[in-house]
Amino acid sequence: MNRNAYWARRRFSVAHEIGHAVLNHPPVNACYGEGAGPKRPRIYDREADRFAAELLMPKLFLSREWFRYSDDALAKRYHVSNQAMEIRLRELGFLRE
């Protein structure tokens, strides 16, 4: 993974975790290992993903810029991964075929 992709994914992960806090999702004990202990329902992760997407790639801004830049250029402009930008553009109905 290249360095920019690494930071873009970290930014999204941090925004996702902020989403859990802002949306008042119940905490998960970080001491539990993978696959052990209580987990959040999947709906909370989807909500946190939507929060992170809107925080990092606001609909208002993308609606003004999506037609001027390629998907890759938008990902770089918003400092997110290409995958995150593709998902966001698809959700907003802006994805070019």
N, C-alpha and C. Protein backbone atom coordinates (compact mmCIF):
# COMPACT_ATOMS: atom_id res chain seq x y z
N MET A 1 0.86 -1.17 0.00
CA MET A 1 0.00 0.00 0.00
C MET A 1 0.90 1.23 0.00
N ASN A 2 0.56 2.20 -0.85
CA ASN A 2 1.40 3.39 -0.86
C ASN A 2 1.10 4.28 0.36
N ARG A 3 2.01 5.16 0.64
CA ARG A 3 1.93 5.99 1.84
C ARG A 3 0.66 6.84 1.87
N ASN A 4 0.28 7.43 0.75
CA ASN A 4 -0.93 8.27 0.72
C ASN A 4 -2.19 7.46 1.00
N ALA A 5 -2.26 6.25 0.45
CA ALA A 5 -3.42 5.39 0.70
C ALA A 5 -3.49 5.04 2.18
N TYR A 6 -2.34 4.77 2.79
CA TYR A 6 -2.30 4.45 4.21
C TYR A 6 -2.90 5.58 5.05
N TRP A 7 -2.48 6.80 4.80
CA TRP A 7 -2.99 7.94 5.57
C TRP A 7 -4.46 8.20 5.27
N ALA A 8 -4.86 8.01 4.04
CA ALA A 8 -6.26 8.20 3.68
C ALA A 8 -7.14 7.22 4.44
N ARG A 9 -6.72 5.97 4.53
CA ARG A 9 -7.49 4.96 5.26
C ARG A 9 -7.51 5.26 6.76
N ARG A 10 -6.39 5.74 7.27
CA ARG A 10 -6.35 6.11 8.70
C ARG A 10 -7.29 7.27 8.98
N ARG A 11 -7.33 8.26 8.10
CA ARG A 11 -8.24 9.40 8.28
C ARG A 11 -9.68 8.91 8.34
N PHE A 12 -10.04 7.99 7.42
CA PHE A 12 -11.41 7.48 7.41
C PHE A 12 -11.69 6.70 8.69
N SER A 13 -10.73 5.90 9.15
CA SER A 13 -10.91 5.13 10.38
C SER A 13 -11.12 6.05 11.58
N VAL A 14 -10.36 7.13 11.65
CA VAL A 14 -10.52 8.08 12.76
C VAL A 14 -11.90 8.75 12.67
N ALA A 15 -12.30 9.16 11.48
CA ALA A 15 -13.62 9.78 11.30
C ALA A 15 -14.72 8.79 11.67
N HIS A 16 -14.54 7.52 11.34
CA HIS A 16 -15.49 6.47 11.68
C HIS A 16 -15.64 6.38 13.20
N GLU A 17 -14.52 6.35 13.91
CA GLU A 17 -14.57 6.26 15.37
C GLU A 17 -15.18 7.51 16.00
N ILE A 18 -14.91 8.67 15.44
CA ILE A 18 -15.56 9.90 15.90
C ILE A 18 -17.06 9.78 15.70
N GLY A 19 -17.47 9.18 14.59
CA GLY A 19 -18.89 8.95 14.33
C GLY A 19 -19.54 8.14 15.44
N HIS A 20 -18.87 7.07 15.89
CA HIS A 20 -19.42 6.28 16.99
C HIS A 20 -19.66 7.15 18.21
N ALA A 21 -18.70 8.02 18.52
CA ALA A 21 -18.83 8.89 19.69
C ALA A 21 -19.95 9.91 19.51
N VAL A 22 -19.97 10.59 18.38
CA VAL A 22 -20.98 11.63 18.12
C VAL A 22 -22.39 11.04 18.09
N LEU A 23 -22.50 9.83 17.55
CA LEU A 23 -23.80 9.18 17.43
C LEU A 23 -24.22 8.43 18.69
N ASN A 24 -23.40 8.57 19.74
CA ASN A 24 -23.69 7.95 21.04
C ASN A 24 -23.86 6.44 20.96
N HIS A 25 -23.04 5.78 20.16
CA HIS A 25 -23.08 4.33 20.10
C HIS A 25 -22.45 3.77 21.36
N PRO A 26 -22.93 2.62 21.82
CA PRO A 26 -22.33 2.04 23.03
C PRO A 26 -20.88 1.67 22.78
N PRO A 27 -20.03 1.86 23.78
CA PRO A 27 -18.61 1.54 23.61
C PRO A 27 -18.39 0.03 23.54
N VAL A 28 -17.28 -0.35 22.91
CA VAL A 28 -16.85 -1.73 22.87
C VAL A 28 -15.53 -1.80 23.62
N ASN A 29 -15.38 -2.76 24.49
CA ASN A 29 -14.17 -2.90 25.26
C ASN A 29 -13.02 -3.30 24.35
N ALA A 30 -12.03 -2.43 24.21
CA ALA A 30 -10.90 -2.67 23.32
C ALA A 30 -9.99 -3.78 23.82
N CYS A 31 -10.19 -4.25 25.04
CA CYS A 31 -9.34 -5.32 25.58
C CYS A 31 -9.69 -6.69 25.01
N TYR A 32 -10.86 -6.82 24.43
CA TYR A 32 -11.24 -8.09 23.85
C TYR A 32 -10.49 -8.31 22.55
N GLY A 33 -10.05 -9.51 22.33
CA GLY A 33 -9.36 -9.84 21.09
C GLY A 33 -10.35 -9.98 19.94
N GLU A 34 -9.81 -10.14 18.75
CA GLU A 34 -10.64 -10.30 17.55
C GLU A 34 -11.55 -11.51 17.73
N GLY A 35 -12.82 -11.33 17.52
CA GLY A 35 -13.78 -12.42 17.60
C GLY A 35 -14.22 -12.78 19.01
N ALA A 36 -13.74 -12.06 20.02
CA ALA A 36 -14.11 -12.37 21.40
C ALA A 36 -14.84 -11.20 22.03
N GLY A 37 -15.69 -11.50 22.96
CA GLY A 37 -16.36 -10.45 23.71
C GLY A 37 -17.48 -9.77 22.95
N PRO A 38 -18.07 -8.74 23.56
CA PRO A 38 -19.22 -8.06 22.95
C PRO A 38 -18.81 -7.27 21.72
N LYS A 39 -19.72 -7.18 20.79
CA LYS A 39 -19.48 -6.42 19.57
C LYS A 39 -20.65 -5.46 19.36
N ARG A 40 -20.40 -4.41 18.61
CA ARG A 40 -21.48 -3.49 18.24
C ARG A 40 -22.30 -4.16 17.15
N PRO A 41 -23.59 -3.91 17.14
CA PRO A 41 -24.38 -4.38 15.99
C PRO A 41 -23.87 -3.73 14.71
N ARG A 42 -23.94 -4.43 13.60
CA ARG A 42 -23.42 -3.95 12.32
C ARG A 42 -24.04 -2.60 11.92
N ILE A 43 -25.27 -2.35 12.32
CA ILE A 43 -25.94 -1.09 11.97
C ILE A 43 -25.13 0.10 12.49
N TYR A 44 -24.50 -0.04 13.66
CA TYR A 44 -23.71 1.05 14.20
C TYR A 44 -22.49 1.34 13.32
N ASP A 45 -21.87 0.29 12.79
CA ASP A 45 -20.73 0.51 11.90
C ASP A 45 -21.16 1.17 10.60
N ARG A 46 -22.30 0.80 10.07
CA ARG A 46 -22.79 1.45 8.85
C ARG A 46 -23.09 2.92 9.11
N GLU A 47 -23.69 3.22 10.26
CA GLU A 47 -23.96 4.62 10.60
C GLU A 47 -22.66 5.40 10.76
N ALA A 48 -21.67 4.80 11.40
CA ALA A 48 -20.38 5.48 11.58
C ALA A 48 -19.68 5.67 10.24
N ASP A 49 -19.83 4.71 9.32
CA ASP A 49 -19.26 4.87 7.98
C ASP A 49 -19.92 6.04 7.25
N ARG A 50 -21.23 6.15 7.35
CA ARG A 50 -21.94 7.26 6.70
C ARG A 50 -21.52 8.60 7.31
N PHE A 51 -21.36 8.63 8.62
CA PHE A 51 -20.88 9.84 9.29
C PHE A 51 -19.51 10.23 8.76
N ALA A 52 -18.59 9.27 8.71
CA ALA A 52 -17.23 9.52 8.24
C ALA A 52 -17.24 10.00 6.79
N ALA A 53 -18.06 9.38 5.96
CA ALA A 53 -18.14 9.78 4.55
C ALA A 53 -18.62 11.22 4.41
N GLU A 54 -19.62 11.59 5.16
CA GLU A 54 -20.14 12.96 5.07
C GLU A 54 -19.14 13.96 5.66
N LEU A 55 -18.45 13.57 6.72
CA LEU A 55 -17.46 14.45 7.32
C LEU A 55 -16.29 14.71 6.36
N LEU A 56 -15.79 13.67 5.72
CA LEU A 56 -14.61 13.79 4.87
C LEU A 56 -14.93 14.15 3.43
N MET A 57 -16.14 13.80 2.97
CA MET A 57 -16.53 14.04 1.58
C MET A 57 -17.95 14.60 1.56
N PRO A 58 -18.11 15.84 2.00
CA PRO A 58 -19.46 16.42 2.12
C PRO A 58 -20.22 16.43 0.79
N LYS A 59 -21.48 16.04 0.87
CA LYS A 59 -22.33 15.99 -0.32
C LYS A 59 -22.35 17.34 -1.04
N LEU A 60 -22.47 18.42 -0.29
CA LEU A 60 -22.54 19.76 -0.88
C LEU A 60 -21.31 20.05 -1.73
N PHE A 61 -20.14 19.77 -1.20
CA PHE A 61 -18.90 20.04 -1.95
C PHE A 61 -18.75 19.11 -3.14
N LEU A 62 -19.03 17.82 -2.94
CA LEU A 62 -18.91 16.87 -4.05
C LEU A 62 -19.89 17.21 -5.18
N SER A 63 -21.08 17.67 -4.81
CA SER A 63 -22.06 17.99 -5.84
C SER A 63 -21.59 19.14 -6.73
N ARG A 64 -20.69 19.96 -6.21
CA ARG A 64 -20.14 21.08 -6.99
C ARG A 64 -18.91 20.68 -7.79
N GLU A 65 -18.25 19.58 -7.41
CA GLU A 65 -16.95 19.25 -8.00
C GLU A 65 -16.88 17.93 -8.76
N TRP A 66 -17.81 17.02 -8.55
CA TRP A 66 -17.66 15.67 -9.10
C TRP A 66 -17.51 15.65 -10.61
N PHE A 67 -18.13 16.57 -11.31
CA PHE A 67 -18.09 16.57 -12.78
C PHE A 67 -16.82 17.22 -13.32
N ARG A 68 -16.06 17.91 -12.47
CA ARG A 68 -14.85 18.60 -12.92
C ARG A 68 -13.59 17.76 -12.76
N TYR A 69 -13.64 16.74 -11.92
CA TYR A 69 -12.45 15.95 -11.61
C TYR A 69 -12.73 14.46 -11.82
N SER A 70 -11.67 13.70 -12.11
CA SER A 70 -11.81 12.24 -12.17
C SER A 70 -12.02 11.73 -10.75
N ASP A 71 -12.47 10.50 -10.65
CA ASP A 71 -12.68 9.91 -9.32
C ASP A 71 -11.37 9.86 -8.54
N ASP A 72 -10.28 9.50 -9.21
CA ASP A 72 -8.97 9.44 -8.54
C ASP A 72 -8.53 10.83 -8.07
N ALA A 73 -8.76 11.84 -8.90
CA ALA A 73 -8.38 13.20 -8.53
C ALA A 73 -9.21 13.68 -7.34
N LEU A 74 -10.48 13.31 -7.31
CA LEU A 74 -11.32 13.67 -6.16
C LEU A 74 -10.81 13.00 -4.89
N ALA A 75 -10.42 11.74 -4.99
CA ALA A 75 -9.90 11.03 -3.82
C ALA A 75 -8.66 11.75 -3.27
N LYS A 76 -7.79 12.16 -4.16
CA LYS A 76 -6.59 12.88 -3.72
C LYS A 76 -6.96 14.24 -3.14
N ARG A 77 -7.89 14.92 -3.79
CA ARG A 77 -8.31 16.26 -3.34
C ARG A 77 -8.91 16.22 -1.93
N TYR A 78 -9.67 15.14 -1.64
CA TYR A 78 -10.33 15.02 -0.34
C TYR A 78 -9.52 14.16 0.65
N HIS A 79 -8.35 13.70 0.22
CA HIS A 79 -7.46 12.91 1.08
C HIS A 79 -8.15 11.66 1.63
N VAL A 80 -8.82 10.95 0.73
CA VAL A 80 -9.45 9.68 1.07
C VAL A 80 -8.97 8.63 0.07
N SER A 81 -9.24 7.39 0.36
CA SER A 81 -8.84 6.32 -0.56
C SER A 81 -9.74 6.34 -1.80
N ASN A 82 -9.22 5.76 -2.86
CA ASN A 82 -10.03 5.65 -4.08
C ASN A 82 -11.30 4.86 -3.82
N GLN A 83 -11.18 3.81 -3.00
CA GLN A 83 -12.34 2.99 -2.67
C GLN A 83 -13.40 3.80 -1.93
N ALA A 84 -12.98 4.60 -0.94
CA ALA A 84 -13.93 5.41 -0.19
C ALA A 84 -14.63 6.41 -1.11
N MET A 85 -13.87 7.03 -2.02
CA MET A 85 -14.48 7.99 -2.93
C MET A 85 -15.45 7.30 -3.89
N GLU A 86 -15.08 6.14 -4.39
CA GLU A 86 -15.97 5.40 -5.29
C GLU A 86 -17.28 5.05 -4.60
N ILE A 87 -17.20 4.58 -3.37
CA ILE A 87 -18.41 4.24 -2.61
C ILE A 87 -19.26 5.49 -2.39
N ARG A 88 -18.63 6.58 -2.02
CA ARG A 88 -19.37 7.83 -1.76
C ARG A 88 -20.06 8.33 -3.02
N LEU A 89 -19.34 8.34 -4.14
CA LEU A 89 -19.93 8.80 -5.39
C LEU A 89 -21.09 7.91 -5.82
N ARG A 90 -20.95 6.61 -5.59
CA ARG A 90 -22.04 5.69 -5.92
C ARG A 90 -23.26 5.97 -5.04
N GLU A 91 -23.03 6.18 -3.74
CA GLU A 91 -24.13 6.48 -2.81
C GLU A 91 -24.86 7.75 -3.22
N LEU A 92 -24.12 8.73 -3.70
CA LEU A 92 -24.71 10.01 -4.08
C LEU A 92 -25.27 10.02 -5.50
N GLY A 93 -25.06 8.94 -6.25
CA GLY A 93 -25.54 8.88 -7.63
C GLY A 93 -24.68 9.62 -8.60
N PHE A 94 -23.43 9.93 -8.25
CA PHE A 94 -22.52 10.67 -9.10
C PHE A 94 -21.53 9.81 -9.85
N LEU A 95 -21.48 8.53 -9.56
CA LEU A 95 -20.45 7.65 -10.13
C LEU A 95 -20.59 7.58 -11.65
N ARG A 96 -19.47 7.85 -12.31
CA ARG A 96 -19.43 7.74 -13.76
C ARG A 96 -19.09 6.31 -14.14
N GLU A 97 -19.70 5.83 -15.20
CA GLU A 97 -19.42 4.45 -15.66
C GLU A 97 -18.20 4.42 -16.53
